[in-house]
PDB file of N, CA and C in Angstrom:
ATOM      1  N   MET A   1      89.795  90.171  88.299  1.00  0.00           N
ATOM      2  CA  MET A   1      90.870  90.502  89.220  1.00  0.00           C
ATOM      3  C   MET A   1      91.262  89.216  89.957  1.00  0.00           C
ATOM      4  N   GLU A   2      92.532  88.910  89.898  1.00  0.00           N
ATOM      5  CA  GLU A   2      93.029  87.668  90.489  1.00  0.00           C
ATOM      6  C   GLU A   2      93.872  87.975  91.722  1.00  0.00           C
ATOM      7  N   ILE A   3      93.688  87.204  92.796  1.00  0.00           N
ATOM      8  CA  ILE A   3      94.525  87.338  93.984  1.00  0.00           C
ATOM      9  C   ILE A   3      95.777  86.502  93.759  1.00  0.00           C
ATOM     10  N   LEU A   4      96.936  87.170  93.871  1.00  0.00           N
ATOM     11  CA  LEU A   4      98.229  86.522  93.671  1.00  0.00           C
ATOM     12  C   LEU A   4      99.007  86.529  94.979  1.00  0.00           C
ATOM     13  N   LYS A   5     100.147  85.847  95.018  1.00  0.00           N
ATOM     14  CA  LYS A   5     101.040  85.830  96.183  1.00  0.00           C
ATOM     15  C   LYS A   5     102.405  86.356  95.760  1.00  0.00           C
ATOM     16  N   ASP A   6     102.997  87.224  96.598  1.00  0.00           N
ATOM     17  CA  ASP A   6     104.338  87.718  96.289  1.00  0.00           C
ATOM     18  C   ASP A   6     105.384  86.742  96.829  1.00  0.00           C
ATOM     19  N   SER A   7     106.653  87.085  96.684  1.00  0.00           N
ATOM     20  CA  SER A   7     107.746  86.186  97.085  1.00  0.00           C
ATOM     21  C   SER A   7     107.790  85.932  98.585  1.00  0.00           C
ATOM     22  N   LYS A   8     107.136  86.798  99.377  1.00  0.00           N
ATOM     23  CA  LYS A   8     107.116  86.613 100.830  1.00  0.00           C
ATOM     24  C   LYS A   8     105.790  86.019 101.313  1.00  0.00           C
ATOM     25  N   GLY A   9     104.923  85.654 100.359  1.00  0.00           N
ATOM     26  CA  GLY A   9     103.665  85.005 100.718  1.00  0.00           C
ATOM     27  C   GLY A   9     102.506  85.937 100.975  1.00  0.00           C
ATOM     28  N   ALA A  10     102.686  87.232 100.753  1.00  0.00           N
ATOM     29  CA  ALA A  10     101.599  88.196 100.955  1.00  0.00           C
ATOM     30  C   ALA A  10     100.646  88.165  99.762  1.00  0.00           C
ATOM     31  N   SER A  11      99.369  88.283 100.032  1.00  0.00           N
ATOM     32  CA  SER A  11      98.365  88.336  98.968  1.00  0.00           C
ATOM     33  C   SER A  11      98.336  89.733  98.357  1.00  0.00           C
ATOM     34  N   TYR A  12      98.137  89.794  97.029  1.00  0.00           N
ATOM     35  CA  TYR A  12      98.016  91.087  96.366  1.00  0.00           C
ATOM     36  C   TYR A  12      97.160  90.972  95.122  1.00  0.00           C
ATOM     37  N   VAL A  13      96.669  92.132  94.682  1.00  0.00           N
ATOM     38  CA  VAL A  13      95.962  92.241  93.404  1.00  0.00           C
ATOM     39  C   VAL A  13      96.568  93.418  92.646  1.00  0.00           C
ATOM     40  N   ASP A  14      96.566  93.308  91.336  1.00  0.00           N
ATOM     41  CA  ASP A  14      97.002  94.406  90.479  1.00  0.00           C
ATOM     42  C   ASP A  14      95.774  95.095  89.912  1.00  0.00           C
ATOM     43  N   VAL A  15      95.777  96.422  89.985  1.00  0.00           N
ATOM     44  CA  VAL A  15      94.724  97.237  89.400  1.00  0.00           C
ATOM     45  C   VAL A  15      95.441  98.277  88.546  1.00  0.00           C
ATOM     46  N   GLY A  16      95.451  98.069  87.240  1.00  0.00           N
ATOM     47  CA  GLY A  16      96.230  98.947  86.372  1.00  0.00           C
ATOM     48  C   GLY A  16      97.696  98.833  86.733  1.00  0.00           C
ATOM     49  N   ASN A  17      98.337  99.975  86.989  1.00  0.00           N
ATOM     50  CA  ASN A  17      99.759  99.939  87.369  1.00  0.00           C
ATOM     51  C   ASN A  17      99.954  99.990  88.885  1.00  0.00           C
ATOM     52  N   ILE A  18      98.906  99.661  89.633  1.00  0.00           N
ATOM     53  CA  ILE A  18      98.938  99.692  91.099  1.00  0.00           C
ATOM     54  C   ILE A  18      98.889  98.269  91.648  1.00  0.00           C
ATOM     55  N   ARG A  19      99.698  98.014  92.668  1.00  0.00           N
ATOM     56  CA  ARG A  19      99.625  96.752  93.409  1.00  0.00           C
ATOM     57  C   ARG A  19      99.077  97.058  94.796  1.00  0.00           C
ATOM     58  N   ILE A  20      98.032  96.340  95.187  1.00  0.00           N
ATOM     59  CA  ILE A  20      97.463  96.459  96.525  1.00  0.00           C
ATOM     60  C   ILE A  20      97.725  95.134  97.242  1.00  0.00           C
ATOM     61  N   SER A  21      98.502  95.206  98.322  1.00  0.00           N
ATOM     62  CA  SER A  21      98.911  94.006  99.060  1.00  0.00           C
ATOM     63  C   SER A  21      98.326  94.014 100.460  1.00  0.00           C
ATOM     64  N   TYR A  22      98.050  92.816 100.967  1.00  0.00           N
ATOM     65  CA  TYR A  22      97.658  92.651 102.371  1.00  0.00           C
ATOM     66  C   TYR A  22      98.817  91.954 103.065  1.00  0.00           C
ATOM     67  N   ILE A  23      99.453  92.673 104.004  1.00  0.00           N
ATOM     68  CA  ILE A  23     100.626  92.160 104.708  1.00  0.00           C
ATOM     69  C   ILE A  23     100.228  91.841 106.142  1.00  0.00           C
ATOM     70  N   GLU A  24     100.313  90.564 106.501  1.00  0.00           N
ATOM     71  CA  GLU A  24      99.970  90.167 107.866  1.00  0.00           C
ATOM     72  C   GLU A  24     101.105  90.524 108.825  1.00  0.00           C
ATOM     73  N   GLN A  25     100.724  90.992 110.009  1.00  0.00           N
ATOM     74  CA  GLN A  25     101.714  91.391 111.007  1.00  0.00           C
ATOM     75  C   GLN A  25     102.676  90.248 111.322  1.00  0.00           C
ATOM     76  N   LYS A  26     102.176  89.034 111.385  1.00  0.00           N
ATOM     77  CA  LYS A  26     103.024  87.895 111.745  1.00  0.00           C
ATOM     78  C   LYS A  26     104.122  87.646 110.709  1.00  0.00           C
ATOM     79  N   ASN A  27     103.960  88.189 109.490  1.00  0.00           N
ATOM     80  CA  ASN A  27     104.953  88.002 108.434  1.00  0.00           C
ATOM     81  C   ASN A  27     105.906  89.190 108.293  1.00  0.00           C
ATOM     82  N   ARG A  28     105.820  90.163 109.185  1.00  0.00           N
ATOM     83  CA  ARG A  28     106.686  91.346 109.131  1.00  0.00           C
ATOM     84  C   ARG A  28     107.781  91.222 110.185  1.00  0.00           C
ATOM     85  N   SER A  29     108.964  91.736 109.848  1.00  0.00           N
ATOM     86  CA  SER A  29     110.020  91.759 110.865  1.00  0.00           C
ATOM     87  C   SER A  29     109.652  92.820 111.903  1.00  0.00           C
ATOM     88  N   ASN A  30     110.149  92.660 113.103  1.00  0.00           N
ATOM     89  CA  ASN A  30     109.866  93.629 114.166  1.00  0.00           C
ATOM     90  C   ASN A  30     110.329  95.031 113.800  1.00  0.00           C
ATOM     91  N   LEU A  31     111.401  95.130 113.011  1.00  0.00           N
ATOM     92  CA  LEU A  31     111.927  96.431 112.605  1.00  0.00           C
ATOM     93  C   LEU A  31     110.966  97.176 111.684  1.00  0.00           C
ATOM     94  N   LYS A  32     110.140  96.437 110.946  1.00  0.00           N
ATOM     95  CA  LYS A  32     109.215  97.057 109.997  1.00  0.00           C
ATOM     96  C   LYS A  32     107.774  97.055 110.487  1.00  0.00           C
ATOM     97  N   ASP A  33     107.552  96.617 111.704  1.00  0.00           N
ATOM     98  CA  ASP A  33     106.187  96.504 112.226  1.00  0.00           C
ATOM     99  C   ASP A  33     105.789  97.743 113.025  1.00  0.00           C
ATOM    100  N   TRP A  34     105.957  98.918 112.420  1.00  0.00           N
ATOM    101  CA  TRP A  34     105.642 100.175 113.105  1.00  0.00           C
ATOM    102  C   TRP A  34     104.175 100.281 113.524  1.00  0.00           C
ATOM    103  N   PRO A  35     103.194  99.708 112.774  1.00  0.00           N
ATOM    104  CA  PRO A  35     101.804  99.895 113.182  1.00  0.00           C
ATOM    105  C   PRO A  35     101.316  98.861 114.200  1.00  0.00           C
ATOM    106  N   ASN A  36     102.113  97.818 114.442  1.00  0.00           N
ATOM    107  CA  ASN A  36     101.675  96.723 115.319  1.00  0.00           C
ATOM    108  C   ASN A  36     100.339  96.156 114.862  1.00  0.00           C
ATOM    109  N   ALA A  37     100.192  95.974 113.554  1.00  0.00           N
ATOM    110  CA  ALA A  37      98.946  95.472 112.974  1.00  0.00           C
ATOM    111  C   ALA A  37      99.233  94.960 111.564  1.00  0.00           C
ATOM    112  N   ASP A  38      98.254  94.261 111.001  1.00  0.00           N
ATOM    113  CA  ASP A  38      98.299  93.953 109.573  1.00  0.00           C
ATOM    114  C   ASP A  38      98.217  95.286 108.826  1.00  0.00           C
ATOM    115  N   VAL A  39      98.659  95.311 107.565  1.00  0.00           N
ATOM    116  CA  VAL A  39      98.569  96.542 106.776  1.00  0.00           C
ATOM    117  C   VAL A  39      98.121  96.231 105.354  1.00  0.00           C
ATOM    118  N   ILE A  40      97.510  97.223 104.746  1.00  0.00           N
ATOM    119  CA  ILE A  40      97.293  97.227 103.308  1.00  0.00           C
ATOM    120  C   ILE A  40      98.346  98.162 102.741  1.00  0.00           C
ATOM    121  N   ARG A  41      99.106  97.646 101.780  1.00  0.00           N
ATOM    122  CA  ARG A  41     100.161  98.446 101.145  1.00  0.00           C
ATOM    123  C   ARG A  41      99.734  98.740  99.705  1.00  0.00           C
ATOM    124  N   ILE A  42      99.877  99.998  99.303  1.00  0.00           N
ATOM    125  CA  ILE A  42      99.533 100.407  97.945  1.00  0.00           C
ATOM    126  C   ILE A  42     100.798 100.941  97.282  1.00  0.00           C
ATOM    127  N   GLN A  43     101.187 100.296  96.172  1.00  0.00           N
ATOM    128  CA  GLN A  43     102.412 100.661  95.459  1.00  0.00           C
ATOM    129  C   GLN A  43     102.119 100.795  93.971  1.00  0.00           C
ATOM    130  N   ALA A  44     102.912 101.611  93.302  1.00  0.00           N
ATOM    131  CA  ALA A  44     102.818 101.751  91.848  1.00  0.00           C
ATOM    132  C   ALA A  44     104.028 101.074  91.217  1.00  0.00           C
ATOM    133  N   TYR A  45     103.802 100.457  90.069  1.00  0.00           N
ATOM    134  CA  TYR A  45     104.909  99.889  89.307  1.00  0.00           C
ATOM    135  C   TYR A  45     105.729 101.033  88.711  1.00  0.00           C
ATOM    136  N   THR A  46     107.050 100.846  88.624  1.00  0.00           N
ATOM    137  CA  THR A  46     107.947 101.897  88.126  1.00  0.00           C
ATOM    138  C   THR A  46     107.950 101.995  86.608  1.00  0.00           C
ATOM    139  N   GLY A  47     107.431 100.979  85.933  1.00  0.00           N
ATOM    140  CA  GLY A  47     107.494 100.943  84.475  1.00  0.00           C
ATOM    141  C   GLY A  47     108.695 100.163  83.981  1.00  0.00           C
ATOM    142  N   LYS A  48     109.464  99.616  84.906  1.00  0.00           N
ATOM    143  CA  LYS A  48     110.650  98.808  84.580  1.00  0.00           C
ATOM    144  C   LYS A  48     110.388  97.381  85.052  1.00  0.00           C
ATOM    145  N   GLY A  49     109.651  96.622  84.270  1.00  0.00           N
ATOM    146  CA  GLY A  49     109.310  95.255  84.664  1.00  0.00           C
ATOM    147  C   GLY A  49     108.359  95.246  85.839  1.00  0.00           C
ATOM    148  N   LYS A  50     108.673  94.413  86.822  1.00  0.00           N
ATOM    149  CA  LYS A  50     107.804  94.293  87.999  1.00  0.00           C
ATOM    150  C   LYS A  50     108.325  95.104  89.187  1.00  0.00           C
ATOM    151  N   SER A  51     109.264  96.027  88.948  1.00  0.00           N
ATOM    152  CA  SER A  51     109.793  96.874  90.030  1.00  0.00           C
ATOM    153  C   SER A  51     108.699  97.791  90.544  1.00  0.00           C
ATOM    154  N   LEU A  52     108.700  97.987  91.863  1.00  0.00           N
ATOM    155  CA  LEU A  52     107.676  98.804  92.521  1.00  0.00           C
ATOM    156  C   LEU A  52     108.292  99.995  93.235  1.00  0.00           C
ATOM    157  N   HIS A  53     107.561 101.107  93.242  1.00  0.00           N
ATOM    158  CA  HIS A  53     107.930 102.230  94.094  1.00  0.00           C
ATOM    159  C   HIS A  53     107.601 101.842  95.532  1.00  0.00           C
ATOM    160  N   GLN A  54     108.273 102.487  96.479  1.00  0.00           N
ATOM    161  CA  GLN A  54     107.927 102.278  97.872  1.00  0.00           C
ATOM    162  C   GLN A  54     106.502 102.761  98.057  1.00  0.00           C
ATOM    163  N   GLY A  55     105.714 102.058  98.848  1.00  0.00           N
ATOM    164  CA  GLY A  55     104.301 102.392  98.937  1.00  0.00           C
ATOM    165  C   GLY A  55     103.848 102.830 100.313  1.00  0.00           C
ATOM    166  N   ALA A  56     102.632 103.321 100.327  1.00  0.00           N
ATOM    167  CA  ALA A  56     101.987 103.700 101.580  1.00  0.00           C
ATOM    168  C   ALA A  56     101.423 102.463 102.249  1.00  0.00           C
ATOM    169  N   GLU A  57     101.431 102.455 103.587  1.00  0.00           N
ATOM    170  CA  GLU A  57     100.850 101.354 104.343  1.00  0.00           C
ATOM    171  C   GLU A  57      99.751 101.886 105.255  1.00  0.00           C
ATOM    172  N   TYR A  58      98.620 101.199 105.224  1.00  0.00           N
ATOM    173  CA  TYR A  58      97.455 101.581 106.025  1.00  0.00           C
ATOM    174  C   TYR A  58      97.189 100.464 107.033  1.00  0.00           C
ATOM    175  N   PRO A  59      97.303 100.750 108.343  1.00  0.00           N
ATOM    176  CA  PRO A  59      97.104  99.713 109.361  1.00  0.00           C
ATOM    177  C   PRO A  59      95.667  99.194 109.379  1.00  0.00           C
ATOM    178  N   ILE A  60      95.548  97.881 109.546  1.00  0.00           N
ATOM    179  CA  ILE A  60      94.254  97.219 109.643  1.00  0.00           C
ATOM    180  C   ILE A  60      94.193  96.495 110.986  1.00  0.00           C
ATOM    181  N   ASN A  61      93.471  97.089 111.926  1.00  0.00           N
ATOM    182  CA  ASN A  61      93.296  96.460 113.238  1.00  0.00           C
ATOM    183  C   ASN A  61      92.027  95.625 113.294  1.00  0.00           C
ATOM    184  N   ASN A  62      91.046  95.998 112.465  1.00  0.00           N
ATOM    185  CA  ASN A  62      89.777  95.270 112.434  1.00  0.00           C
ATOM    186  C   ASN A  62      89.046  95.609 111.133  1.00  0.00           C
ATOM    187  N   GLU A  63      87.889  95.008 110.945  1.00  0.00           N
ATOM    188  CA  GLU A  63      87.111  95.216 109.717  1.00  0.00           C
ATOM    189  C   GLU A  63      86.767  96.682 109.475  1.00  0.00           C
ATOM    190  N   LYS A  64      86.502  97.427 110.533  1.00  0.00           N
ATOM    191  CA  LYS A  64      86.103  98.829 110.386  1.00  0.00           C
ATOM    192  C   LYS A  64      87.186  99.657 109.704  1.00  0.00           C
ATOM    193  N   ASP A  65      88.446  99.312 109.941  1.00  0.00           N
ATOM    194  CA  ASP A  65      89.529 100.048 109.285  1.00  0.00           C
ATOM    195  C   ASP A  65      89.451  99.912 107.765  1.00  0.00           C
ATOM    196  N   VAL A  66      89.090  98.726 107.288  1.00  0.00           N
ATOM    197  CA  VAL A  66      88.939  98.513 105.844  1.00  0.00           C
ATOM    198  C   VAL A  66      87.752  99.332 105.335  1.00  0.00           C
ATOM    199  N   TYR A  67      86.652  99.346 106.089  1.00  0.00           N
ATOM    200  CA  TYR A  67      85.475 100.112 105.679  1.00  0.00           C
ATOM    201  C   TYR A  67      85.775 101.612 105.611  1.00  0.00           C
ATOM    202  N   HIS A  68      86.606 102.110 106.524  1.00  0.00           N
ATOM    203  CA  HIS A  68      86.984 103.529 106.489  1.00  0.00           C
ATOM    204  C   HIS A  68      87.775 103.850 105.220  1.00  0.00           C
ATOM    205  N   LEU A  69      88.621 102.931 104.799  1.00  0.00           N
ATOM    206  CA  LEU A  69      89.379 103.122 103.563  1.00  0.00           C
ATOM    207  C   LEU A  69      88.433 103.148 102.358  1.00  0.00           C
ATOM    208  N   PHE A  70      87.485 102.206 102.306  1.00  0.00           N
ATOM    209  CA  PHE A  70      86.482 102.196 101.230  1.00  0.00           C
ATOM    210  C   PHE A  70      85.660 103.485 101.236  1.00  0.00           C
ATOM    211  N   GLU A  71      85.296 103.952 102.426  1.00  0.00           N
ATOM    212  CA  GLU A  71      84.514 105.184 102.552  1.00  0.00           C
ATOM    213  C   GLU A  71      85.291 106.369 101.978  1.00  0.00           C
ATOM    214  N   ALA A  72      86.592 106.415 102.240  1.00  0.00           N
ATOM    215  CA  ALA A  72      87.414 107.523 101.715  1.00  0.00           C
ATOM    216  C   ALA A  72      87.419 107.513 100.193  1.00  0.00           C
ATOM    217  N   PHE A  73      87.591 106.334  99.575  1.00  0.00           N
ATOM    218  CA  PHE A  73      87.551 106.240  98.119  1.00  0.00           C
ATOM    219  C   PHE A  73      86.199 106.675  97.586  1.00  0.00           C
ATOM    220  N   SER A  74      85.136 106.245  98.256  1.00  0.00           N
ATOM    221  CA  SER A  74      83.780 106.596  97.825  1.00  0.00           C
ATOM    222  C   SER A  74      83.552 108.106  97.896  1.00  0.00           C
ATOM    223  N   LYS A  75      84.013 108.729  98.971  1.00  0.00           N
ATOM    224  CA  LYS A  75      83.823 110.185  99.119  1.00  0.00           C
ATOM    225  C   LYS A  75      84.579 110.948  98.036  1.00  0.00           C
ATOM    226  N   LEU A  76      85.746 110.455  97.656  1.00  0.00           N
ATOM    227  CA  LEU A  76      86.500 111.111  96.596  1.00  0.00           C
ATOM    228  C   LEU A  76      85.733 111.096  95.270  1.00  0.00           C
ATOM    229  N   MET A  77      84.938 110.059  95.052  1.00  0.00           N
ATOM    230  CA  MET A  77      84.240 109.889  93.790  1.00  0.00           C
ATOM    231  C   MET A  77      82.807 110.418  93.806  1.00  0.00           C
ATOM    232  N   ILE A  78      82.311 110.852  94.952  1.00  0.00           N
ATOM    233  CA  ILE A  78      80.899 111.222  95.097  1.00  0.00           C
ATOM    234  C   ILE A  78      80.480 112.352  94.176  1.00  0.00           C
ATOM    235  N   ASP A  79      81.341 113.306  93.911  1.00  0.00           N
ATOM    236  CA  ASP A  79      80.990 114.452  93.075  1.00  0.00           C
ATOM    237  C   ASP A  79      81.428 114.296  91.623  1.00  0.00           C
ATOM    238  N   LYS A  80      81.907 113.156  91.246  1.00  0.00           N
ATOM    239  CA  LYS A  80      82.401 112.944  89.876  1.00  0.00           C
ATOM    240  C   LYS A  80      81.292 112.553  88.943  1.00  0.00           C
TER     241      LYS A  80
END
């Protein structure tokens, strides 16, 4: 898995047809900074080149927020 940069300088990784991006608050316009924090954005490719569907954004205020996201994924897989 390679960390890449998008056209706006945000770091992202591709996992299958999913792009997971880390968007720093300082790089967001005030109009789009609804969480007042950095965010992790999860988007799916549309199947038309590198076009992406609009994605969900998860606010990251501190390390614990990332751990809560990992915990949610782990709980989903616990009974599999």
